[in-house]
PDB file of N, CA and C in Angstrom:
ATOM      1  N   MET A   1     -16.519  21.590  12.191  1.00  0.00           N
ATOM      2  CA  MET A   1     -15.541  21.360  11.160  1.00  0.00           C
ATOM      3  C   MET A   1     -14.123  21.372  11.740  1.00  0.00           C
ATOM      4  N   LEU A   2     -13.854  22.292  12.655  1.00  0.00           N
ATOM      5  CA  LEU A   2     -12.509  22.364  13.223  1.00  0.00           C
ATOM      6  C   LEU A   2     -12.182  21.112  14.040  1.00  0.00           C
ATOM      7  N   THR A   3     -13.137  20.669  14.834  1.00  0.00           N
ATOM      8  CA  THR A   3     -12.871  19.497  15.675  1.00  0.00           C
ATOM      9  C   THR A   3     -12.675  18.241  14.840  1.00  0.00           C
ATOM     10  N   ALA A   4     -13.267  18.198  13.655  1.00  0.00           N
ATOM     11  CA  ALA A   4     -13.077  17.051  12.763  1.00  0.00           C
ATOM     12  C   ALA A   4     -11.635  16.964  12.270  1.00  0.00           C
ATOM     13  N   HIS A   5     -10.895  18.051  12.400  1.00  0.00           N
ATOM     14  CA  HIS A   5      -9.493  18.090  11.984  1.00  0.00           C
ATOM     15  C   HIS A   5      -8.541  18.051  13.166  1.00  0.00           C
ATOM     16  N   GLY A   6      -9.035  17.584  14.313  1.00  0.00           N
ATOM     17  CA  GLY A   6      -8.169  17.382  15.463  1.00  0.00           C
ATOM     18  C   GLY A   6      -7.997  18.582  16.374  1.00  0.00           C
ATOM     19  N   ILE A   7      -8.725  19.652  16.145  1.00  0.00           N
ATOM     20  CA  ILE A   7      -8.647  20.819  17.027  1.00  0.00           C
ATOM     21  C   ILE A   7      -9.600  20.585  18.186  1.00  0.00           C
ATOM     22  N   THR A   8      -9.147  20.847  19.392  1.00  0.00           N
ATOM     23  CA  THR A   8     -10.000  20.613  20.559  1.00  0.00           C
ATOM     24  C   THR A   8     -11.221  21.524  20.497  1.00  0.00           C
ATOM     25  N   ALA A   9     -12.279  21.111  21.163  1.00  0.00           N
ATOM     26  CA  ALA A   9     -13.508  21.914  21.185  1.00  0.00           C
ATOM     27  C   ALA A   9     -13.245  23.291  21.784  1.00  0.00           C
ATOM     28  N   GLU A  10     -12.411  23.334  22.814  1.00  0.00           N
ATOM     29  CA  GLU A  10     -12.077  24.609  23.459  1.00  0.00           C
ATOM     30  C   GLU A  10     -11.342  25.535  22.483  1.00  0.00           C
ATOM     31  N   ASP A  11     -10.312  25.024  21.810  1.00  0.00           N
ATOM     32  CA  ASP A  11      -9.570  25.830  20.845  1.00  0.00           C
ATOM     33  C   ASP A  11     -10.455  26.255  19.680  1.00  0.00           C
ATOM     34  N   ALA A  12     -11.327  25.355  19.232  1.00  0.00           N
ATOM     35  CA  ALA A  12     -12.245  25.685  18.140  1.00  0.00           C
ATOM     36  C   ALA A  12     -13.163  26.835  18.537  1.00  0.00           C
ATOM     37  N   ARG A  13     -13.598  26.835  19.787  1.00  0.00           N
ATOM     38  CA  ARG A  13     -14.458  27.917  20.271  1.00  0.00           C
ATOM     39  C   ARG A  13     -13.700  29.236  20.285  1.00  0.00           C
ATOM     40  N   TYR A  14     -12.433  29.215  20.704  1.00  0.00           N
ATOM     41  CA  TYR A  14     -11.612  30.439  20.698  1.00  0.00           C
ATOM     42  C   TYR A  14     -11.416  30.947  19.271  1.00  0.00           C
ATOM     43  N   ILE A  15     -11.134  30.045  18.354  1.00  0.00           N
ATOM     44  CA  ILE A  15     -10.938  30.421  16.951  1.00  0.00           C
ATOM     45  C   ILE A  15     -12.221  31.034  16.399  1.00  0.00           C
ATOM     46  N   TYR A  16     -13.343  30.399  16.683  1.00  0.00           N
ATOM     47  CA  TYR A  16     -14.619  30.904  16.189  1.00  0.00           C
ATOM     48  C   TYR A  16     -14.935  32.268  16.789  1.00  0.00           C
ATOM     49  N   GLU A  17     -14.656  32.432  18.065  1.00  0.00           N
ATOM     50  CA  GLU A  17     -14.903  33.719  18.727  1.00  0.00           C
ATOM     51  C   GLU A  17     -14.055  34.815  18.086  1.00  0.00           C
ATOM     52  N   PHE A  18     -12.780  34.511  17.834  1.00  0.00           N
ATOM     53  CA  PHE A  18     -11.892  35.481  17.203  1.00  0.00           C
ATOM     54  C   PHE A  18     -12.400  35.819  15.799  1.00  0.00           C
ATOM     55  N   ARG A  19     -12.787  34.805  15.058  1.00  0.00           N
ATOM     56  CA  ARG A  19     -13.315  35.019  13.714  1.00  0.00           C
ATOM     57  C   ARG A  19     -14.544  35.912  13.735  1.00  0.00           C
ATOM     58  N   CYS A  20     -15.461  35.665  14.647  1.00  0.00           N
ATOM     59  CA  CYS A  20     -16.682  36.470  14.725  1.00  0.00           C
ATOM     60  C   CYS A  20     -16.380  37.921  15.095  1.00  0.00           C
ATOM     61  N   GLU A  21     -15.472  38.105  16.044  1.00  0.00           N
ATOM     62  CA  GLU A  21     -15.104  39.458  16.453  1.00  0.00           C
ATOM     63  C   GLU A  21     -14.484  40.223  15.283  1.00  0.00           C
ATOM     64  N   LEU A  22     -13.611  39.557  14.521  1.00  0.00           N
ATOM     65  CA  LEU A  22     -13.009  40.207  13.355  1.00  0.00           C
ATOM     66  C   LEU A  22     -14.046  40.495  12.280  1.00  0.00           C
ATOM     67  N   HIS A  23     -14.893  39.517  12.034  1.00  0.00           N
ATOM     68  CA  HIS A  23     -15.910  39.657  10.995  1.00  0.00           C
ATOM     69  C   HIS A  23     -16.815  40.861  11.250  1.00  0.00           C
ATOM     70  N   HIS A  24     -17.153  41.083  12.499  1.00  0.00           N
ATOM     71  CA  HIS A  24     -18.045  42.188  12.854  1.00  0.00           C
ATOM     72  C   HIS A  24     -17.287  43.447  13.261  1.00  0.00           C
ATOM     73  N   ALA A  25     -15.950  43.415  13.115  1.00  0.00           N
ATOM     74  CA  ALA A  25     -15.079  44.569  13.394  1.00  0.00           C
ATOM     75  C   ALA A  25     -15.155  45.027  14.850  1.00  0.00           C
ATOM     76  N   TYR A  26     -15.291  44.063  15.769  1.00  0.00           N
ATOM     77  CA  TYR A  26     -15.319  44.403  17.180  1.00  0.00           C
ATOM     78  C   TYR A  26     -13.926  44.449  17.793  1.00  0.00           C
ATOM     79  N   GLY A  27     -12.943  43.882  17.121  1.00  0.00           N
ATOM     80  CA  GLY A  27     -11.584  43.857  17.653  1.00  0.00           C
ATOM     81  C   GLY A  27     -11.291  42.549  18.358  1.00  0.00           C
ATOM     82  N   ILE A  28     -10.327  42.591  19.268  1.00  0.00           N
ATOM     83  CA  ILE A  28      -9.910  41.402  20.023  1.00  0.00           C
ATOM     84  C   ILE A  28     -11.019  41.016  21.004  1.00  0.00           C
ATOM     85  N   PRO A  29     -11.362  39.738  21.091  1.00  0.00           N
ATOM     86  CA  PRO A  29     -12.414  39.310  22.026  1.00  0.00           C
ATOM     87  C   PRO A  29     -12.070  39.641  23.477  1.00  0.00           C
ATOM     88  N   ASN A  30     -13.080  39.968  24.230  1.00  0.00           N
ATOM     89  CA  ASN A  30     -12.951  40.223  25.655  1.00  0.00           C
ATOM     90  C   ASN A  30     -12.595  38.918  26.368  1.00  0.00           C
ATOM     91  N   PRO A  31     -11.708  38.965  27.377  1.00  0.00           N
ATOM     92  CA  PRO A  31     -11.361  37.740  28.108  1.00  0.00           C
ATOM     93  C   PRO A  31     -12.566  36.978  28.668  1.00  0.00           C
ATOM     94  N   VAL A  32     -13.650  37.684  28.959  1.00  0.00           N
ATOM     95  CA  VAL A  32     -14.852  37.019  29.465  1.00  0.00           C
ATOM     96  C   VAL A  32     -15.339  35.973  28.461  1.00  0.00           C
ATOM     97  N   LYS A  33     -15.180  36.258  27.169  1.00  0.00           N
ATOM     98  CA  LYS A  33     -15.615  35.328  26.130  1.00  0.00           C
ATOM     99  C   LYS A  33     -14.626  34.191  25.907  1.00  0.00           C
ATOM    100  N   LEU A  34     -13.452  34.285  26.529  1.00  0.00           N
ATOM    101  CA  LEU A  34     -12.396  33.289  26.336  1.00  0.00           C
ATOM    102  C   LEU A  34     -12.027  32.614  27.655  1.00  0.00           C
ATOM    103  N   ASP A  35     -13.005  32.377  28.496  1.00  0.00           N
ATOM    104  CA  ASP A  35     -12.779  31.718  29.789  1.00  0.00           C
ATOM    105  C   ASP A  35     -11.779  32.466  30.656  1.00  0.00           C
ATOM    106  N   GLY A  36     -11.810  33.795  30.589  1.00  0.00           N
ATOM    107  CA  GLY A  36     -10.917  34.608  31.408  1.00  0.00           C
ATOM    108  C   GLY A  36      -9.527  34.789  30.827  1.00  0.00           C
ATOM    109  N   ARG A  37      -9.286  34.251  29.674  1.00  0.00           N
ATOM    110  CA  ARG A  37      -7.968  34.366  29.038  1.00  0.00           C
ATOM    111  C   ARG A  37      -7.896  35.634  28.194  1.00  0.00           C
ATOM    112  N   ALA A  38      -6.749  36.253  28.170  1.00  0.00           N
ATOM    113  CA  ALA A  38      -6.505  37.386  27.283  1.00  0.00           C
ATOM    114  C   ALA A  38      -6.025  36.844  25.947  1.00  0.00           C
ATOM    115  N   LEU A  39      -6.472  37.452  24.856  1.00  0.00           N
ATOM    116  CA  LEU A  39      -6.029  37.031  23.537  1.00  0.00           C
ATOM    117  C   LEU A  39      -4.981  38.016  23.034  1.00  0.00           C
ATOM    118  N   PHE A  40      -3.848  37.484  22.620  1.00  0.00           N
ATOM    119  CA  PHE A  40      -2.772  38.290  22.058  1.00  0.00           C
ATOM    120  C   PHE A  40      -2.560  37.852  20.616  1.00  0.00           C
ATOM    121  N   ALA A  41      -2.495  38.806  19.712  1.00  0.00           N
ATOM    122  CA  ALA A  41      -2.184  38.520  18.313  1.00  0.00           C
ATOM    123  C   ALA A  41      -0.714  38.849  18.094  1.00  0.00           C
ATOM    124  N   THR A  42       0.010  37.936  17.470  1.00  0.00           N
ATOM    125  CA  THR A  42       1.432  38.133  17.218  1.00  0.00           C
ATOM    126  C   THR A  42       1.702  38.105  15.717  1.00  0.00           C
ATOM    127  N   PRO A  43       2.681  38.890  15.262  1.00  0.00           N
ATOM    128  CA  PRO A  43       3.035  38.851  13.847  1.00  0.00           C
ATOM    129  C   PRO A  43       4.021  37.729  13.508  1.00  0.00           C
ATOM    130  N   SER A  44       4.364  36.907  14.491  1.00  0.00           N
ATOM    131  CA  SER A  44       5.375  35.869  14.290  1.00  0.00           C
ATOM    132  C   SER A  44       4.888  34.746  13.375  1.00  0.00           C
ATOM    133  N   PRO A  45       5.595  34.501  12.274  1.00  0.00           N
ATOM    134  CA  PRO A  45       5.222  33.384  11.408  1.00  0.00           C
ATOM    135  C   PRO A  45       5.715  32.041  11.952  1.00  0.00           C
ATOM    136  N   ASP A  46       6.493  32.075  13.042  1.00  0.00           N
ATOM    137  CA  ASP A  46       7.037  30.849  13.626  1.00  0.00           C
ATOM    138  C   ASP A  46       6.199  30.304  14.776  1.00  0.00           C
ATOM    139  N   ALA A  47       5.138  31.001  15.134  1.00  0.00           N
ATOM    140  CA  ALA A  47       4.294  30.568  16.245  1.00  0.00           C
ATOM    141  C   ALA A  47       3.216  29.606  15.747  1.00  0.00           C
ATOM    142  N   TYR A  48       2.530  28.975  16.706  1.00  0.00           N
ATOM    143  CA  TYR A  48       1.377  28.153  16.351  1.00  0.00           C
ATOM    144  C   TYR A  48       0.255  29.065  15.871  1.00  0.00           C
ATOM    145  N   ALA A  49      -0.645  28.535  15.045  1.00  0.00           N
ATOM    146  CA  ALA A  49      -1.799  29.332  14.616  1.00  0.00           C
ATOM    147  C   ALA A  49      -2.551  29.817  15.852  1.00  0.00           C
ATOM    148  N   VAL A  50      -2.818  28.908  16.772  1.00  0.00           N
ATOM    149  CA  VAL A  50      -3.465  29.241  18.042  1.00  0.00           C
ATOM    150  C   VAL A  50      -2.748  28.473  19.132  1.00  0.00           C
ATOM    151  N   ASP A  51      -2.210  29.206  20.105  1.00  0.00           N
ATOM    152  CA  ASP A  51      -1.459  28.597  21.201  1.00  0.00           C
ATOM    153  C   ASP A  51      -2.223  28.817  22.498  1.00  0.00           C
ATOM    154  N   THR A  52      -2.678  27.724  23.115  1.00  0.00           N
ATOM    155  CA  THR A  52      -3.438  27.807  24.361  1.00  0.00           C
ATOM    156  C   THR A  52      -2.714  27.098  25.505  1.00  0.00           C
ATOM    157  N   GLN A  53      -1.394  27.000  25.408  1.00  0.00           N
ATOM    158  CA  GLN A  53      -0.621  26.287  26.426  1.00  0.00           C
ATOM    159  C   GLN A  53      -0.688  26.950  27.798  1.00  0.00           C
ATOM    160  N   ARG A  54      -0.756  28.273  27.826  1.00  0.00           N
ATOM    161  CA  ARG A  54      -0.839  28.981  29.108  1.00  0.00           C
ATOM    162  C   ARG A  54      -2.294  29.164  29.499  1.00  0.00           C
ATOM    163  N   ALA A  55      -2.566  29.011  30.776  1.00  0.00           N
ATOM    164  CA  ALA A  55      -3.941  29.089  31.261  1.00  0.00           C
ATOM    165  C   ALA A  55      -4.508  30.510  31.255  1.00  0.00           C
ATOM    166  N   ASP A  56      -3.632  31.514  31.174  1.00  0.00           N
ATOM    167  CA  ASP A  56      -4.109  32.894  31.269  1.00  0.00           C
ATOM    168  C   ASP A  56      -4.227  33.611  29.928  1.00  0.00           C
ATOM    169  N   ARG A  57      -3.840  32.954  28.826  1.00  0.00           N
ATOM    170  CA  ARG A  57      -3.873  33.653  27.534  1.00  0.00           C
ATOM    171  C   ARG A  57      -4.027  32.705  26.357  1.00  0.00           C
ATOM    172  N   VAL A  58      -4.459  33.293  25.269  1.00  0.00           N
ATOM    173  CA  VAL A  58      -4.500  32.635  23.969  1.00  0.00           C
ATOM    174  C   VAL A  58      -3.634  33.494  23.067  1.00  0.00           C
ATOM    175  N   VAL A  59      -2.638  32.880  22.418  1.00  0.00           N
ATOM    176  CA  VAL A  59      -1.770  33.618  21.504  1.00  0.00           C
ATOM    177  C   VAL A  59      -2.090  33.141  20.090  1.00  0.00           C
ATOM    178  N   LEU A  60      -2.413  34.085  19.238  1.00  0.00           N
ATOM    179  CA  LEU A  60      -2.793  33.769  17.876  1.00  0.00           C
ATOM    180  C   LEU A  60      -1.776  34.381  16.925  1.00  0.00           C
ATOM    181  N   SER A  61      -1.170  33.559  16.093  1.00  0.00           N
ATOM    182  CA  SER A  61      -0.239  34.044  15.080  1.00  0.00           C
ATOM    183  C   SER A  61      -1.045  34.478  13.870  1.00  0.00           C
ATOM    184  N   VAL A  62      -1.066  35.768  13.604  1.00  0.00           N
ATOM    185  CA  VAL A  62      -1.866  36.284  12.497  1.00  0.00           C
ATOM    186  C   VAL A  62      -1.435  35.693  11.157  1.00  0.00           C
ATOM    187  N   PRO A  63      -0.124  35.669  10.827  1.00  0.00           N
ATOM    188  CA  PRO A  63       0.228  35.113   9.513  1.00  0.00           C
ATOM    189  C   PRO A  63      -0.084  33.626   9.369  1.00  0.00           C
ATOM    190  N   VAL A  64       0.095  32.860  10.427  1.00  0.00           N
ATOM    191  CA  VAL A  64      -0.199  31.425  10.340  1.00  0.00           C
ATOM    192  C   VAL A  64      -1.705  31.208  10.318  1.00  0.00           C
ATOM    193  N   PHE A  65      -2.408  31.890  11.200  1.00  0.00           N
ATOM    194  CA  PHE A  65      -3.866  31.771  11.270  1.00  0.00           C
ATOM    195  C   PHE A  65      -4.498  32.157   9.938  1.00  0.00           C
ATOM    196  N   CYS A  66      -4.125  33.306   9.428  1.00  0.00           N
ATOM    197  CA  CYS A  66      -4.734  33.801   8.192  1.00  0.00           C
ATOM    198  C   CYS A  66      -4.207  33.087   6.956  1.00  0.00           C
ATOM    199  N   GLY A  67      -2.945  32.716   6.970  1.00  0.00           N
ATOM    200  CA  GLY A  67      -2.342  32.147   5.778  1.00  0.00           C
ATOM    201  C   GLY A  67      -2.558  30.669   5.595  1.00  0.00           C
ATOM    202  N   HIS A  68      -2.825  29.940   6.660  1.00  0.00           N
ATOM    203  CA  HIS A  68      -2.933  28.487   6.532  1.00  0.00           C
ATOM    204  C   HIS A  68      -4.260  27.951   7.064  1.00  0.00           C
ATOM    205  N   LEU A  69      -4.584  28.275   8.284  1.00  0.00           N
ATOM    206  CA  LEU A  69      -5.779  27.722   8.895  1.00  0.00           C
ATOM    207  C   LEU A  69      -7.034  28.162   8.157  1.00  0.00           C
ATOM    208  N   VAL A  70      -7.111  29.436   7.823  1.00  0.00           N
ATOM    209  CA  VAL A  70      -8.298  29.932   7.138  1.00  0.00           C
ATOM    210  C   VAL A  70      -8.424  29.305   5.755  1.00  0.00           C
ATOM    211  N   GLU A  71      -7.293  29.084   5.070  1.00  0.00           N
ATOM    212  CA  GLU A  71      -7.358  28.429   3.772  1.00  0.00           C
ATOM    213  C   GLU A  71      -7.901  27.013   3.890  1.00  0.00           C
ATOM    214  N   ARG A  72      -7.493  26.299   4.910  1.00  0.00           N
ATOM    215  CA  ARG A  72      -8.002  24.934   5.100  1.00  0.00           C
ATOM    216  C   ARG A  72      -9.501  24.942   5.391  1.00  0.00           C
ATOM    217  N   ILE A  73      -9.930  25.883   6.221  1.00  0.00           N
ATOM    218  CA  ILE A  73     -11.363  25.979   6.531  1.00  0.00           C
ATOM    219  C   ILE A  73     -12.146  26.285   5.263  1.00  0.00           C
ATOM    220  N   ALA A  74     -11.660  27.250   4.493  1.00  0.00           N
ATOM    221  CA  ALA A  74     -12.351  27.620   3.252  1.00  0.00           C
ATOM    222  C   ALA A  74     -12.393  26.446   2.289  1.00  0.00           C
ATOM    223  N   HIS A  75     -11.302  25.724   2.193  1.00  0.00           N
ATOM    224  CA  HIS A  75     -11.238  24.586   1.279  1.00  0.00           C
ATOM    225  C   HIS A  75     -12.230  23.507   1.680  1.00  0.00           C
ATOM    226  N   ASP A  76     -12.307  23.209   2.970  1.00  0.00           N
ATOM    227  CA  ASP A  76     -13.222  22.168   3.438  1.00  0.00           C
ATOM    228  C   ASP A  76     -14.681  22.622   3.416  1.00  0.00           C
ATOM    229  N   ALA A  77     -14.900  23.900   3.659  1.00  0.00           N
ATOM    230  CA  ALA A  77     -16.276  24.394   3.754  1.00  0.00           C
ATOM    231  C   ALA A  77     -16.934  24.551   2.392  1.00  0.00           C
ATOM    232  N   ALA A  78     -16.143  24.775   1.372  1.00  0.00           N
ATOM    233  CA  ALA A  78     -16.740  25.043   0.059  1.00  0.00           C
ATOM    234  C   ALA A  78     -16.096  24.194  -1.039  1.00  0.00           C
ATOM    235  N   PRO A  79     -16.260  22.867  -0.979  1.00  0.00           N
ATOM    236  CA  PRO A  79     -15.601  22.016  -1.969  1.00  0.00           C
ATOM    237  C   PRO A  79     -16.105  22.227  -3.393  1.00  0.00           C
ATOM    238  N   THR A  80     -17.277  22.806  -3.550  1.00  0.00           N
ATOM    239  CA  THR A  80     -17.798  23.034  -4.896  1.00  0.00           C
ATOM    240  C   THR A  80     -17.479  24.430  -5.415  1.00  0.00           C
ATOM    241  N   TRP A  81     -16.812  25.235  -4.623  1.00  0.00           N
ATOM    242  CA  TRP A  81     -16.428  26.578  -5.053  1.00  0.00           C
ATOM    243  C   TRP A  81     -15.487  26.453  -6.244  1.00  0.00           C
ATOM    244  N   PRO A  82     -15.739  27.157  -7.351  1.00  0.00           N
ATOM    245  CA  PRO A  82     -14.930  26.969  -8.558  1.00  0.00           C
ATOM    246  C   PRO A  82     -13.487  27.438  -8.425  1.00  0.00           C
ATOM    247  N   GLY A  83     -13.166  28.200  -7.398  1.00  0.00           N
ATOM    248  CA  GLY A  83     -11.813  28.724  -7.273  1.00  0.00           C
ATOM    249  C   GLY A  83     -10.922  27.946  -6.329  1.00  0.00           C
ATOM    250  N   THR A  84     -11.253  26.700  -6.000  1.00  0.00           N
ATOM    251  CA  THR A  84     -10.450  25.965  -5.020  1.00  0.00           C
ATOM    252  C   THR A  84      -9.033  25.711  -5.491  1.00  0.00           C
ATOM    253  N   SER A  85      -8.789  25.744  -6.788  1.00  0.00           N
ATOM    254  CA  SER A  85      -7.426  25.522  -7.288  1.00  0.00           C
ATOM    255  C   SER A  85      -6.487  26.640  -6.843  1.00  0.00           C
ATOM    256  N   GLN A  86      -7.050  27.774  -6.431  1.00  0.00           N
ATOM    257  CA  GLN A  86      -6.241  28.901  -5.983  1.00  0.00           C
ATOM    258  C   GLN A  86      -5.900  28.813  -4.499  1.00  0.00           C
ATOM    259  N   ILE A  87      -6.437  27.838  -3.794  1.00  0.00           N
ATOM    260  CA  ILE A  87      -6.170  27.684  -2.372  1.00  0.00           C
ATOM    261  C   ILE A  87      -5.086  26.630  -2.200  1.00  0.00           C
ATOM    262  N   ASN A  88      -3.980  27.022  -1.635  1.00  0.00           N
ATOM    263  CA  ASN A  88      -2.871  26.097  -1.421  1.00  0.00           C
ATOM    264  C   ASN A  88      -2.947  25.572   0.007  1.00  0.00           C
ATOM    265  N   THR A  89      -3.369  24.324   0.159  1.00  0.00           N
ATOM    266  CA  THR A  89      -3.465  23.727   1.493  1.00  0.00           C
ATOM    267  C   THR A  89      -2.262  22.823   1.784  1.00  0.00           C
ATOM    268  N   ASN A  90      -1.283  22.822   0.922  1.00  0.00           N
ATOM    269  CA  ASN A  90      -0.095  21.985   1.111  1.00  0.00           C
ATOM    270  C   ASN A  90       1.157  22.804   1.378  1.00  0.00           C
ATOM    271  N   MET A  91       0.979  24.033   1.832  1.00  0.00           N
ATOM    272  CA  MET A  91       2.134  24.881   2.101  1.00  0.00           C
ATOM    273  C   MET A  91       2.845  24.425   3.367  1.00  0.00           C
ATOM    274  N   ALA A  92       4.132  24.382   3.311  1.00  0.00           N
ATOM    275  CA  ALA A  92       4.942  24.072   4.490  1.00  0.00           C
ATOM    276  C   ALA A  92       5.557  25.384   4.977  1.00  0.00           C
ATOM    277  N   PRO A  93       5.518  25.631   6.309  1.00  0.00           N
ATOM    278  CA  PRO A  93       6.139  26.856   6.806  1.00  0.00           C
ATOM    279  C   PRO A  93       7.631  26.866   6.489  1.00  0.00           C
ATOM    280  N   ASP A  94       8.151  28.034   6.261  1.00  0.00           N
ATOM    281  CA  ASP A  94       9.591  28.185   5.977  1.00  0.00           C
ATOM    282  C   ASP A  94      10.413  27.793   7.185  1.00  0.00           C
TER     283      ASP A  94
END
């Protein structure tokens, strides 16, 4: 689903790994699971949802990731969910 929206397969794998680690309450993924990259979570709302520009790290903006990307995934994954009107997928960052 992520790659269908223009996210690279590599970035999609990092996002999925982070999601799984959070879902199971394991914390930040080990660099071994991220091709040797360290994952840093930032509170910055001005950062990319997932930034993989540096070869040694993945930087994830918690407010952007949680506030926008997850809403888009939920919206696309469950189009028949009766509460989709509550998901705002047209938000523009401030």
